Protein backbone atom coordinates (compact mmCIF):
# COMPACT_ATOMS: atom_id res chain seq x y z
CA MET A 1 -9.18 37.61 24.90
CA ARG A 2 -7.19 40.95 26.05
CA GLY A 3 -5.29 40.43 22.53
CA LEU A 4 -8.49 40.90 20.88
CA ILE A 5 -9.72 43.88 23.00
CA LEU A 6 -6.17 45.72 22.25
CA ALA A 7 -7.00 45.09 18.92
CA VAL A 8 -10.42 46.50 18.39
CA LEU A 9 -9.30 49.35 20.48
CA ALA A 10 -6.20 49.94 17.96
CA LEU A 11 -8.78 49.90 15.23
CA LEU A 12 -10.83 52.38 16.65
CA PHE A 13 -8.10 54.75 17.27
CA VAL A 14 -6.96 54.79 13.70
CA ALA A 15 -10.10 54.88 12.21
CA GLY A 16 -10.42 58.52 11.81
CA ASP A 17 -7.15 58.43 9.87
CA SER A 18 -8.34 55.57 7.61
CA GLY A 19 -8.19 58.40 4.60
CA ARG A 20 -4.66 58.95 5.22
CA TYR A 21 -2.00 58.66 2.37
CA VAL A 22 -1.54 54.51 1.86
CA PRO A 23 2.55 54.83 1.86
CA GLN A 24 2.02 56.95 4.79
CA LEU A 25 -0.04 54.41 6.78
CA ILE A 26 2.50 51.72 5.70
CA ALA A 27 5.32 53.78 6.71
CA ASN A 28 3.98 54.61 10.18
CA ALA A 29 3.02 50.71 10.49
CA HIS A 30 6.80 49.74 9.65
CA SER A 31 7.94 52.51 12.37
CA ALA A 32 6.15 50.91 15.06
CA LEU A 33 7.20 47.45 14.13
CA THR A 34 10.64 48.70 14.10
CA ARG A 35 10.48 50.21 17.46
CA ILE A 36 9.40 46.77 18.72
CA ALA A 37 12.29 45.06 17.21
CA GLY A 38 14.74 47.59 18.31
CA ALA A 39 13.34 47.74 21.81
CA ASP A 40 14.90 46.13 24.96
CA SER A 41 13.92 45.54 28.55
CA VAL A 42 15.35 48.77 29.62
CA THR A 43 13.59 51.23 27.39
CA SER A 44 10.49 49.66 26.80
CA THR A 45 7.92 47.35 28.70
CA TYR A 46 6.06 44.28 27.26
CA GLN A 47 2.78 45.91 27.33
CA SER A 48 3.94 49.15 25.37
CA ASN A 49 5.48 46.63 22.62
CA ILE A 50 1.76 45.05 22.38
CA ASN A 51 0.28 48.51 22.12
CA ASN A 52 2.69 49.31 19.49
CA ALA A 53 1.89 45.85 17.58
CA HIS A 54 -1.57 46.58 17.34
CA SER A 55 -1.37 50.26 16.46
CA ALA A 56 0.98 49.00 13.63
CA TYR A 57 -1.85 46.19 12.72
CA ALA A 58 -4.17 48.78 12.61
CA LEU A 59 -2.36 51.18 10.33
CA LEU A 60 -1.74 48.25 7.88
CA TRP A 61 -5.61 47.46 7.98
CA ALA A 62 -6.49 50.99 7.21
CA ALA A 63 -3.94 50.93 4.06
CA ALA A 64 -5.47 47.41 3.31
CA LYS A 65 -9.12 48.68 2.92
CA GLN A 66 -7.69 51.12 0.71
CA GLN A 67 -6.83 48.11 -1.74
CA SER A 68 -3.15 48.03 -0.63
CA ASP A 69 -1.38 44.52 -1.59
CA ASP A 70 1.54 45.48 0.36
CA ALA A 71 -0.02 46.38 3.32
CA GLN A 72 -1.91 43.18 3.37
CA ALA A 73 1.08 41.05 2.50
CA VAL A 74 2.77 42.42 5.51
CA LEU A 75 -0.14 41.83 7.78
CA VAL A 76 -0.08 38.20 6.79
CA GLY A 77 3.71 37.57 6.87
CA VAL A 78 3.56 39.25 10.50
CA PHE A 79 0.91 36.70 11.64
CA GLU A 80 2.55 33.80 9.60
CA LYS A 81 5.99 34.49 11.57
CA ALA A 82 3.65 34.21 14.72
CA TYR A 83 1.82 31.31 13.66
CA ALA A 84 5.23 29.54 12.98
CA ARG A 85 6.10 30.19 16.61
CA GLN A 86 2.92 28.97 18.04
CA PHE A 87 2.34 32.47 19.05
CA GLU A 88 5.06 31.94 21.51
CA SER A 89 7.48 35.03 22.28
CA SER A 90 5.52 37.50 20.22
CA TYR A 91 3.30 40.08 20.56
CA VAL A 92 0.44 38.82 18.76
CA SER A 93 -2.11 36.44 20.65
CA GLU A 94 -4.10 33.82 18.60
CA ASP A 95 -7.23 35.45 18.99
CA SER A 96 -5.99 38.95 17.84
CA ALA A 97 -4.13 37.03 14.70
CA ALA A 98 -7.63 35.33 14.00
CA TYR A 99 -9.27 38.94 14.52
CA TRP A 100 -7.17 40.74 11.75
CA LEU A 101 -6.92 37.82 9.53
CA GLU A 102 -11.03 37.18 9.45
CA LYS A 103 -10.83 41.06 8.29
CA LEU A 104 -8.48 40.27 5.49
CA VAL A 105 -10.73 37.54 4.54
CA GLN A 106 -13.54 39.93 4.19
CA LEU A 107 -11.26 41.57 1.32
CA ASN A 108 -11.11 38.26 -0.20
CA ASN A 109 -7.38 37.67 0.81
CA ALA A 110 -6.60 34.10 -0.24
CA GLU A 111 -2.98 33.83 1.84
CA ALA A 112 -5.19 35.54 5.00
CA ALA A 113 -7.68 32.58 4.61
CA TRP A 114 -5.34 29.74 4.55
CA LEU A 115 -3.58 30.91 7.30
CA LEU A 116 -6.69 31.50 9.43
CA TYR A 117 -7.95 28.17 8.50
CA GLN A 118 -4.24 26.94 9.89
CA VAL A 119 -4.75 28.85 12.95
CA LEU A 120 -8.49 27.76 13.84
CA GLY A 121 -7.90 24.13 13.20
CA ASP A 122 -10.31 21.89 12.01
CA ASN A 123 -14.03 23.25 12.88
CA GLY A 124 -16.93 24.49 11.03
CA VAL A 125 -15.80 27.88 9.41
CA SER A 126 -12.12 26.15 8.36
CA GLU A 127 -13.98 24.45 5.33
CA ARG A 128 -15.08 27.93 3.92
CA LEU A 129 -11.47 29.35 4.76
CA MET A 130 -9.97 26.43 2.70
CA ARG A 131 -12.02 26.62 -0.14
CA LEU A 132 -11.56 30.50 -0.18
CA ALA A 133 -7.94 30.17 -0.11
CA ALA A 134 -7.77 27.85 -2.88
CA ILE A 135 -9.81 29.50 -5.05
CA GLY A 136 -7.22 32.34 -4.47
CA GLU A 137 -4.77 29.99 -5.68
CA VAL A 138 -3.08 29.02 -2.68
CA ALA A 139 -1.43 25.84 -3.60
CA GLU A 140 -1.10 24.55 0.04
CA ALA A 141 -4.87 25.18 0.31
CA GLN A 142 -5.84 23.48 -3.13
CA ILE A 143 -3.99 20.46 -2.16
CA ALA A 144 -5.77 20.08 1.19
CA LEU A 145 -9.20 20.68 -0.39
CA ALA A 146 -8.36 18.01 -2.77
CA MET A 147 -7.49 15.40 -0.31
CA SER A 148 -10.71 16.36 1.88
CA SER A 149 -12.84 15.31 -1.24
CA ASP A 150 -14.05 11.75 -1.61
CA LEU A 151 -14.97 13.03 -5.23
CA PRO A 152 -12.69 11.68 -7.80
CA GLN A 153 -13.01 14.55 -10.17
CA VAL A 154 -13.21 17.14 -7.58
CA ARG A 155 -9.86 15.69 -6.18
CA GLU A 156 -8.08 15.60 -9.68
CA THR A 157 -9.30 19.08 -10.41
CA TRP A 158 -7.45 20.61 -7.29
CA LEU A 159 -4.56 18.65 -7.58
CA GLU A 160 -4.28 19.89 -11.20
CA LYS A 161 -4.60 23.35 -10.10
CA ALA A 162 -2.07 23.16 -7.44
CA ALA A 163 0.45 21.12 -9.23
CA ALA A 164 0.02 23.80 -12.26
CA GLN A 165 1.80 26.33 -9.83
CA GLY A 166 4.93 23.97 -9.25
CA TYR A 167 3.77 22.79 -5.78
CA VAL A 168 6.00 19.89 -5.48
CA PRO A 169 3.65 18.10 -2.94
CA ALA A 170 0.86 18.62 -5.27
CA GLN A 171 2.98 17.60 -8.20
CA ALA A 172 4.04 14.35 -6.36
CA ALA A 173 0.28 13.70 -4.97
CA LEU A 174 -1.25 14.02 -8.76
CA ALA A 175 1.76 11.88 -10.17
CA ASP A 176 0.35 9.22 -7.55
CA TRP A 177 -3.32 9.76 -8.47
CA TYR A 178 -2.39 9.16 -11.97
CA LEU A 179 -0.43 5.71 -11.48
CA LEU A 180 -3.28 4.76 -9.23
CA HIS A 181 -5.52 5.30 -12.22
CA GLY A 182 -2.89 3.65 -14.78
CA GLU A 183 -2.33 6.94 -16.54
CA GLN A 184 1.52 6.53 -16.47
CA THR A 185 2.06 8.93 -19.39
CA LYS A 186 0.54 11.83 -17.49
CA ALA A 187 2.46 10.73 -14.30
CA LYS A 188 5.81 11.02 -16.03
CA PRO A 189 6.35 14.47 -16.36
CA LEU A 190 5.21 15.28 -12.99
CA LEU A 191 7.56 12.58 -11.74
CA GLU A 192 10.28 13.73 -13.77
CA ALA A 193 9.77 17.54 -12.17
CA THR A 194 10.11 16.15 -8.65
CA ALA A 195 12.64 13.26 -8.90
CA ARG A 196 15.31 15.24 -7.56
CA LEU A 197 13.48 16.83 -4.94
CA ASP A 198 11.54 13.82 -3.51
CA MET A 199 12.83 10.29 -3.07
CA GLN A 200 9.37 9.13 -3.31
CA SER A 201 9.07 10.62 -6.71
CA ALA A 202 12.55 9.63 -7.51
CA TYR A 203 11.82 5.68 -6.98
CA LYS A 204 8.46 6.09 -8.84
CA TYR A 205 10.29 7.60 -11.90
CA GLY A 206 12.81 5.17 -12.01
CA ARG A 207 10.25 2.62 -12.13
CA LEU A 208 8.43 4.15 -15.01
CA LEU A 209 11.82 4.13 -16.90
CA TRP A 210 12.76 0.72 -16.07
CA ASP A 211 9.34 -0.36 -17.59
CA GLU A 212 10.36 1.64 -20.56
CA GLY A 213 13.40 -0.06 -21.03
CA GLU A 214 15.65 3.11 -19.82
CA PHE A 215 17.35 0.90 -17.33
CA GLU A 216 20.38 3.11 -16.80
CA GLY A 217 18.42 5.91 -16.12
CA ALA A 218 16.16 3.99 -13.77
CA LYS A 219 19.14 2.98 -11.72
CA GLN A 220 20.50 6.58 -11.39
CA HIS A 221 16.97 7.82 -9.81
CA PHE A 222 17.06 4.19 -7.49
CA MET A 223 20.57 5.25 -6.60
CA PHE A 224 19.39 8.77 -5.68
CA ALA A 225 16.22 7.67 -3.67
CA SER A 226 18.23 4.91 -1.77
CA GLN A 227 20.78 7.38 -0.80
CA GLN A 228 17.87 9.37 0.69
CA GLY A 229 17.02 6.29 2.82
CA HIS A 230 14.24 4.89 0.41
CA GLU A 231 14.04 1.32 1.11
CA GLN A 232 12.08 -0.15 -1.76
CA ALA A 233 14.80 1.88 -3.87
CA GLU A 234 17.39 -0.40 -2.30
CA LYS A 235 15.65 -3.28 -2.77
CA ALA A 236 15.41 -2.52 -6.41
CA LEU A 237 18.85 -1.96 -6.76
CA ASN A 238 19.51 -5.24 -4.73
CA VAL A 239 17.19 -7.33 -7.21
CA ILE A 240 18.70 -5.90 -10.15
CA LYS A 241 22.29 -6.85 -9.07
CA GLY A 242 21.07 -10.20 -7.91
CA TYR A 243 18.78 -11.41 -10.58
CA THR A 244 18.80 -11.69 -14.45
CA ILE A 245 16.00 -11.07 -16.72
CA GLN A 246 15.33 -14.18 -18.90
CA THR A 247 13.08 -15.20 -21.62
CA LEU A 248 11.44 -18.64 -21.28
CA ALA A 249 13.81 -20.30 -23.37
CA GLN A 250 16.90 -19.08 -21.51
CA THR A 251 15.81 -20.43 -18.08
CA PRO A 252 18.23 -22.65 -16.91
CA SER A 253 17.93 -26.01 -15.33
CA PHE A 254 17.81 -26.21 -11.42
CA ASP A 255 19.61 -28.76 -9.21
CA TRP A 256 17.22 -29.37 -6.53
CA SER A 257 19.32 -32.07 -4.61
CA THR A 258 21.32 -28.60 -3.30
CA LEU A 259 17.70 -27.82 -1.21
CA GLU A 260 17.41 -31.53 -0.21
CA GLN A 261 20.15 -31.32 2.01
CA THR A 262 17.98 -29.50 4.81
CA SER A 263 14.79 -31.33 3.81
CA SER A 264 13.23 -33.78 1.37
CA CYS A 265 11.61 -31.67 -1.78
CA LEU A 266 8.13 -33.91 -1.80
CA GLN A 267 7.01 -30.23 -3.40
CA ARG A 268 9.06 -28.38 -5.52
CA ILE A 269 8.02 -24.79 -5.69
CA GLN A 270 9.29 -22.38 -8.29
CA PRO A 271 8.45 -18.78 -8.06
CA PHE A 272 8.09 -16.40 -11.11
CA ALA A 273 7.94 -12.68 -11.81
CA THR A 274 7.60 -10.59 -14.80
CA SER A 275 8.32 -7.09 -13.77
CA LEU A 276 10.73 -5.03 -11.46
CA ALA A 277 7.83 -4.56 -8.94
CA THR A 278 6.94 -8.32 -8.95
CA ILE A 279 10.57 -9.66 -8.75
CA ILE A 280 11.05 -7.20 -5.67
CA ARG A 281 8.03 -8.73 -4.16
CA ALA A 282 8.98 -12.41 -5.04
CA ASP A 283 12.48 -11.94 -3.63
CA SER A 284 11.09 -10.61 -0.34
CA LEU A 285 8.72 -13.45 -0.11
CA TYR A 286 11.51 -16.04 -0.94
CA LYS A 287 13.84 -14.43 1.78
CA ALA A 288 11.01 -14.35 4.36
CA TYR A 289 10.55 -18.20 3.65
CA GLN A 290 14.43 -18.97 4.16
CA SER A 291 14.46 -17.21 7.49
CA ASP A 292 10.95 -18.79 8.88
CA GLU A 293 11.79 -21.03 11.28
CA ARG A 294 8.42 -22.38 11.71
CA LEU A 295 8.49 -24.04 8.28
CA SER A 296 11.75 -25.30 8.31
CA SER A 297 10.91 -29.02 9.08
CA LEU A 298 8.40 -29.16 6.01
CA SER A 299 9.67 -31.63 3.17
CA LEU A 300 8.92 -28.69 0.84
CA CYS A 301 11.55 -26.70 -1.32
CA ILE A 302 11.24 -23.36 -2.58
CA ALA A 303 13.75 -22.29 -5.26
CA PRO A 304 14.99 -18.95 -6.02
CA PRO A 305 12.76 -16.47 -8.08
CA ILE A 306 12.99 -16.44 -12.07
CA TRP A 307 12.60 -13.01 -13.47
CA LEU A 308 11.10 -13.44 -16.91
CA THR A 309 10.39 -10.90 -19.71
CA PRO A 310 7.23 -8.92 -19.14
CA ALA A 311 5.80 -10.77 -22.61
CA SER A 312 6.45 -14.46 -21.22
CA LEU A 313 3.09 -14.50 -19.20
CA SER A 314 -0.32 -12.99 -19.94
CA CYS A 315 -2.20 -12.30 -16.64
CA ASP A 316 -5.09 -10.76 -15.51
CA LYS A 317 -6.69 -9.69 -12.28
CA ASP A 318 -10.13 -10.93 -13.35
CA TYR A 319 -8.91 -13.93 -15.44
CA GLU A 320 -11.41 -15.31 -17.55
CA LYS A 321 -14.06 -13.82 -15.68
CA SER A 322 -13.54 -15.51 -12.49
CA GLY A 323 -13.25 -12.95 -10.07
CA VAL A 324 -9.58 -13.53 -9.20
CA LEU A 325 -5.79 -13.38 -10.34
CA GLY A 326 -4.87 -15.84 -13.19
CA CYS A 327 -2.59 -16.15 -16.00
CA ASP A 328 -2.22 -18.59 -19.01
CA ILE A 329 0.53 -20.65 -17.65
CA THR A 330 1.11 -23.12 -20.78
CA PRO A 331 4.35 -20.93 -21.45
CA LEU A 332 5.93 -22.36 -18.42
CA ALA A 333 5.41 -25.78 -19.55
CA GLU A 334 8.72 -25.61 -21.58
CA VAL A 335 10.30 -24.18 -18.30
CA ALA A 336 8.94 -26.98 -16.23
CA LYS A 337 10.53 -29.50 -18.22
CA ARG A 338 13.88 -28.28 -17.64
CA VAL A 339 13.53 -26.92 -14.20
CA LYS A 340 11.35 -30.11 -12.80
CA PHE A 341 9.14 -28.18 -10.59
CA SER A 342 6.18 -29.58 -9.36
CA HIS A 343 4.32 -26.19 -8.16
CA ALA A 344 4.55 -22.48 -8.99
CA VAL A 345 4.16 -19.20 -7.45
CA VAL A 346 3.42 -16.31 -10.03
CA VAL A 347 3.61 -12.83 -8.64
CA ALA A 348 1.78 -10.50 -10.77
CA GLU A 349 0.99 -6.86 -10.36
CA GLN A 350 -2.63 -6.79 -9.13
CA GLY A 351 -5.48 -9.43 -8.08
CA LYS A 352 -6.85 -11.53 -5.50
CA ALA A 353 -4.58 -14.31 -4.03
CA ASN A 354 -5.72 -17.99 -4.81
CA VAL A 355 -4.28 -21.23 -5.82
CA GLN A 356 -5.26 -23.37 -8.82
CA ASN A 357 -4.01 -26.91 -9.45
CA GLY A 358 -0.78 -26.30 -8.16
CA VAL A 359 -0.29 -22.60 -9.27
CA MET A 360 -0.34 -19.90 -6.68
CA TYR A 361 -1.23 -16.28 -7.83
CA LEU A 362 -0.01 -13.55 -5.67
CA ASP A 363 0.14 -9.48 -6.61
CA ILE A 364 2.77 -7.17 -5.17
CA SER A 365 0.69 -6.30 -2.21
CA ASP A 366 0.05 -9.40 -0.56
CA ALA A 367 2.18 -10.32 2.44
CA TYR A 368 4.25 -13.00 3.46
CA SER A 369 1.69 -14.15 5.69
CA VAL A 370 -0.51 -14.54 2.46
CA PHE A 371 1.95 -16.59 0.83
CA VAL A 372 2.24 -19.10 3.86
CA HIS A 373 -1.50 -19.39 4.13
CA GLU A 374 -1.52 -20.30 0.04
CA LEU A 375 1.02 -22.57 0.79
CA ALA A 376 -1.38 -24.55 3.24
CA HIS A 377 -3.56 -24.67 0.06
CA PHE A 378 -0.99 -26.40 -1.98
CA ALA A 379 -1.15 -29.12 0.75
CA GLY A 380 -4.76 -29.25 0.91
CA PHE A 381 -5.65 -27.12 3.87
CA ALA A 382 -9.19 -25.59 4.00
CA ASP A 383 -10.22 -21.88 4.75
CA GLU A 384 -11.21 -21.49 8.17
CA TYR A 385 -13.24 -18.45 7.53
CA PRO A 386 -16.75 -18.40 6.11
CA ILE A 387 -15.94 -19.74 2.25
CA GLY A 388 -18.37 -18.90 -0.72
CA ARG A 389 -21.43 -21.03 -1.14
CA GLY A 390 -20.96 -22.59 -4.14
CA MET A 391 -17.59 -24.31 -2.63
CA ALA A 392 -19.35 -24.55 0.61
CA LYS A 393 -22.13 -26.95 -1.08
CA ALA A 394 -19.26 -29.50 -1.75
CA LEU A 395 -16.78 -29.19 0.95
CA CYS A 396 -19.16 -28.99 3.59
CA ASN A 397 -21.14 -31.99 2.40
CA ASP A 398 -20.79 -34.88 4.88
CA THR A 399 -20.55 -37.51 1.94
CA GLN A 400 -18.44 -35.26 -0.71
CA ILE A 401 -15.88 -33.79 1.88
CA THR A 402 -14.39 -36.97 1.27
CA ASP A 403 -13.23 -35.91 -2.31
CA PHE A 404 -11.20 -33.36 -0.53
CA MET A 405 -10.05 -34.54 2.78
CA PRO A 406 -8.68 -31.34 4.04
CA PRO A 407 -6.07 -32.14 7.09
CA ASN A 408 -7.90 -29.38 9.46
CA LEU A 409 -11.56 -29.76 8.76
CA VAL A 410 -14.50 -31.97 9.66
CA VAL A 411 -18.37 -31.48 9.22
CA ASP A 412 -21.37 -32.83 11.19
CA SER A 413 -22.66 -36.03 10.31
CA SER A 414 -25.53 -38.53 11.08
CA VAL A 415 -23.42 -40.47 13.29
CA TRP A 416 -20.29 -38.56 14.45
CA TYR A 417 -17.92 -36.02 12.46
CA ALA A 418 -17.19 -36.62 9.00
CA PRO A 419 -14.52 -37.77 8.03
CA ALA A 420 -14.37 -40.13 10.90
CA GLN A 421 -10.74 -40.82 9.98
CA THR A 422 -9.69 -37.15 10.06
CA VAL A 423 -10.76 -36.66 13.96
CA ASN A 424 -9.11 -39.74 14.92
CA ASN A 425 -5.95 -38.69 13.16
CA TRP A 426 -6.19 -35.48 15.12
CA LEU A 427 -6.38 -37.38 18.60
CA ALA A 428 -3.46 -39.84 17.61
CA ILE A 429 -1.17 -37.26 17.05
CA ASP A 430 -2.53 -35.01 19.93
CA PRO A 431 -5.00 -37.03 22.38
CA SER A 432 -5.75 -33.48 24.11
CA ALA A 433 -6.62 -31.83 20.50
CA ILE A 434 -9.64 -29.54 21.02
CA ILE A 435 -12.31 -30.13 18.37
CA ALA A 436 -13.61 -26.53 17.75
CA LYS A 437 -15.69 -24.67 15.86
CA SER A 438 -14.57 -23.47 12.66
CA LYS A 439 -16.65 -20.68 10.35
CA THR A 440 -15.64 -22.62 7.15
CA CYS A 441 -19.34 -23.49 6.46
CA GLU A 442 -21.31 -20.63 8.04
CA LEU A 443 -22.70 -19.23 4.93
CA ILE A 444 -24.63 -22.60 4.22
CA GLY A 445 -25.90 -22.97 7.98
CA LYS A 446 -23.44 -26.39 8.28
CA ALA A 447 -21.48 -26.81 11.34
CA SER A 448 -17.80 -27.29 10.60
CA TYR A 449 -14.97 -27.98 13.05
CA LYS A 450 -11.21 -27.47 13.42
CA PRO A 451 -8.48 -29.19 15.90
CA SER A 452 -7.78 -25.77 17.69
CA ARG A 453 -9.80 -23.27 19.55
CA ARG A 454 -7.05 -20.46 18.41
CA VAL A 455 -7.47 -18.43 15.30
CA THR A 456 -5.11 -19.85 12.99
CA PHE A 457 -3.49 -18.73 9.82
CA MET A 458 -6.18 -20.46 7.85
CA GLU A 459 -8.59 -18.01 9.45
CA HIS A 460 -7.00 -14.79 9.63
CA HIS A 461 -3.56 -15.12 7.62
CA ASP A 462 -2.23 -11.83 9.06
CA SER A 463 -2.65 -12.21 12.72
CA GLY A 464 -3.34 -16.00 13.28
CA VAL A 465 -0.99 -18.88 14.24
CA ILE A 466 0.30 -22.29 13.04
CA PRO A 467 -0.33 -24.45 15.88
CA PRO A 468 2.04 -27.37 16.21
CA LEU A 469 -0.78 -29.81 15.25
CA TYR A 470 -1.03 -27.89 12.00
CA LEU A 471 2.53 -28.39 11.12
CA VAL A 472 2.51 -32.14 11.93
CA LEU A 473 -0.74 -32.34 9.57
CA TRP A 474 0.86 -30.40 7.07
CA GLU A 475 4.32 -32.53 6.69
CA GLN A 476 1.62 -35.65 6.59
CA GLN A 477 -0.11 -34.09 3.61
CA LEU A 478 3.20 -33.97 1.87
CA HIS A 479 3.99 -37.36 1.96
CA LYS A 480 0.27 -38.16 0.41
CA GLN A 481 1.29 -37.34 -2.90
CA ASN A 482 -1.82 -39.04 -4.25
CA ILE A 483 -4.09 -36.36 -2.77
CA GLN A 484 -1.99 -33.51 -4.20
CA ARG A 485 -2.54 -31.11 -7.31
CA PRO A 486 0.43 -30.55 -8.99
CA ILE A 487 1.08 -28.08 -11.86
CA SER A 488 1.19 -30.90 -14.08
CA MET A 489 -2.48 -31.49 -13.60
CA ASN A 490 -3.07 -28.13 -14.65
CA PHE A 491 -0.93 -28.18 -17.75
CA PHE A 492 -2.75 -31.18 -18.61
CA GLN A 493 -5.99 -29.45 -18.50
CA ALA A 494 -4.96 -26.23 -20.35
CA PHE A 495 -3.38 -28.41 -23.20
CA HIS A 496 -6.56 -30.75 -23.38
CA HIS A 497 -8.84 -27.80 -23.64
CA ARG A 498 -6.85 -26.48 -26.39
CA GLY A 499 -6.92 -29.67 -28.28
CA LYS A 500 -2.91 -30.20 -28.12
CA GLN A 501 -3.08 -33.89 -27.13
CA LYS A 502 0.23 -34.81 -27.42
CA GLU A 503 1.26 -32.15 -24.77
CA ALA A 504 -1.70 -33.12 -22.85
CA ALA A 505 -0.59 -36.94 -22.71
CA HIS A 506 2.86 -35.79 -21.86
CA TRP A 507 1.48 -33.90 -18.53
CA LEU A 508 -0.76 -36.44 -17.78
CA SER A 509 1.95 -38.91 -17.38
CA GLN A 510 3.76 -36.48 -15.28
CA TYR A 511 0.97 -36.15 -12.95
CA GLU A 512 0.54 -39.69 -12.34
CA ALA A 513 4.23 -40.33 -11.83
CA PHE A 514 3.78 -37.47 -9.35
CA ILE A 515 0.91 -39.11 -7.35
CA SER A 516 2.36 -42.52 -7.51
CA PRO A 517 6.04 -42.10 -7.30
CA ALA A 518 8.33 -45.12 -7.62
CA HIS A 519 9.98 -46.30 -4.32
């Protein structure tokens, strides 16, 4: 408050001289500031320096009122330095800075408005100051105003204004905005401009170049970003080194016996990817599974991912208007004949994760916990969160649930639980097993139950646990191949639907062989 009073007094002191020659006012102000800079503890006092400072500010203000851009710039510069030091070791307080900046704002000084916005913090007047600074083409204010808006068009407009001034954070943010909305063509020149200044831009520019087939240029930008500590760029370089892009016809056979040294391959699972982003995710999931000791005892095997050319598979986040991710998987049929996998994982760019007859669909945002959750669906486990009404009407019916026989779910029946053999199995494995309520059938008002009071990975994939009983049930399911739905069933249905009966017959026979293996 004392600083503010001094500021007002200094203003009154020079008020009578406000009509003086502007260069002289600025020169006098510089002289006062110079005296402060050259002062020492012997020849001056702290208070005299404060007085000199406020006299200088008042002189600069007098010149600023006469439309002196130089005076305004010097004033803003003084307060910028003080703000950068958090007003420590300077002769200007936060209050007095706010006082002089507010006066400059009255002259529509955009730089002063932006600095005052930062000094005052997040309060009622700040939005007005931010907008004034943005209108005055202060790039930092423009990007701040853009990010504060929930309206897409407003956000894009202000990002474009800030980016047009060559402000790197705005160019990078605008590029992200374009990429988010699928406008790679607009994003590319912005990323190119910032790629050598920002490791995230370098990585994203490398991604665009890779997708366009400019592999060497892409690798150079990945290397630059990696050297700056960008983890995803490092992963990109690793998968480029470790995998080869292949056409469907080029995929070689795979020796599953190399994996059977640690466990039986009752499910042979083959991951696929069709882009750099998806192979990075597929590789990450594969490596996470390899190090997951929880699942090491299960009789399933996962082969290294296959990186296919982009045109190999046609996928859609709303496949056939289903609301979930899906692909036309018939091109994989010839690969399946060589590789001999029973289940597939397709990692796509975007879409809701799900399992359909031996095919798991994931997108690049899905965590490893989602993969494990969906992997359990391969073995017939039911979700323990509220499922949709359509599915619930079938699964939660005490007579129809036997068509599904999920190992982790029973429902109420007129006599006991249904299926009764599922509960008997739980108790046979663990006589102390707790039969607890599940949320599975909530949407149709039907009671359902699971063999654990804990929130499991079938309810919340990210925070749920895999109880020991569930691992025993999982292994049991793998040995019940007659209740599984391998990819051969998916191929049969797809080819039958398209009238390709010879191919359909082949895959039907493969399905029958899978569910009734020779011993």
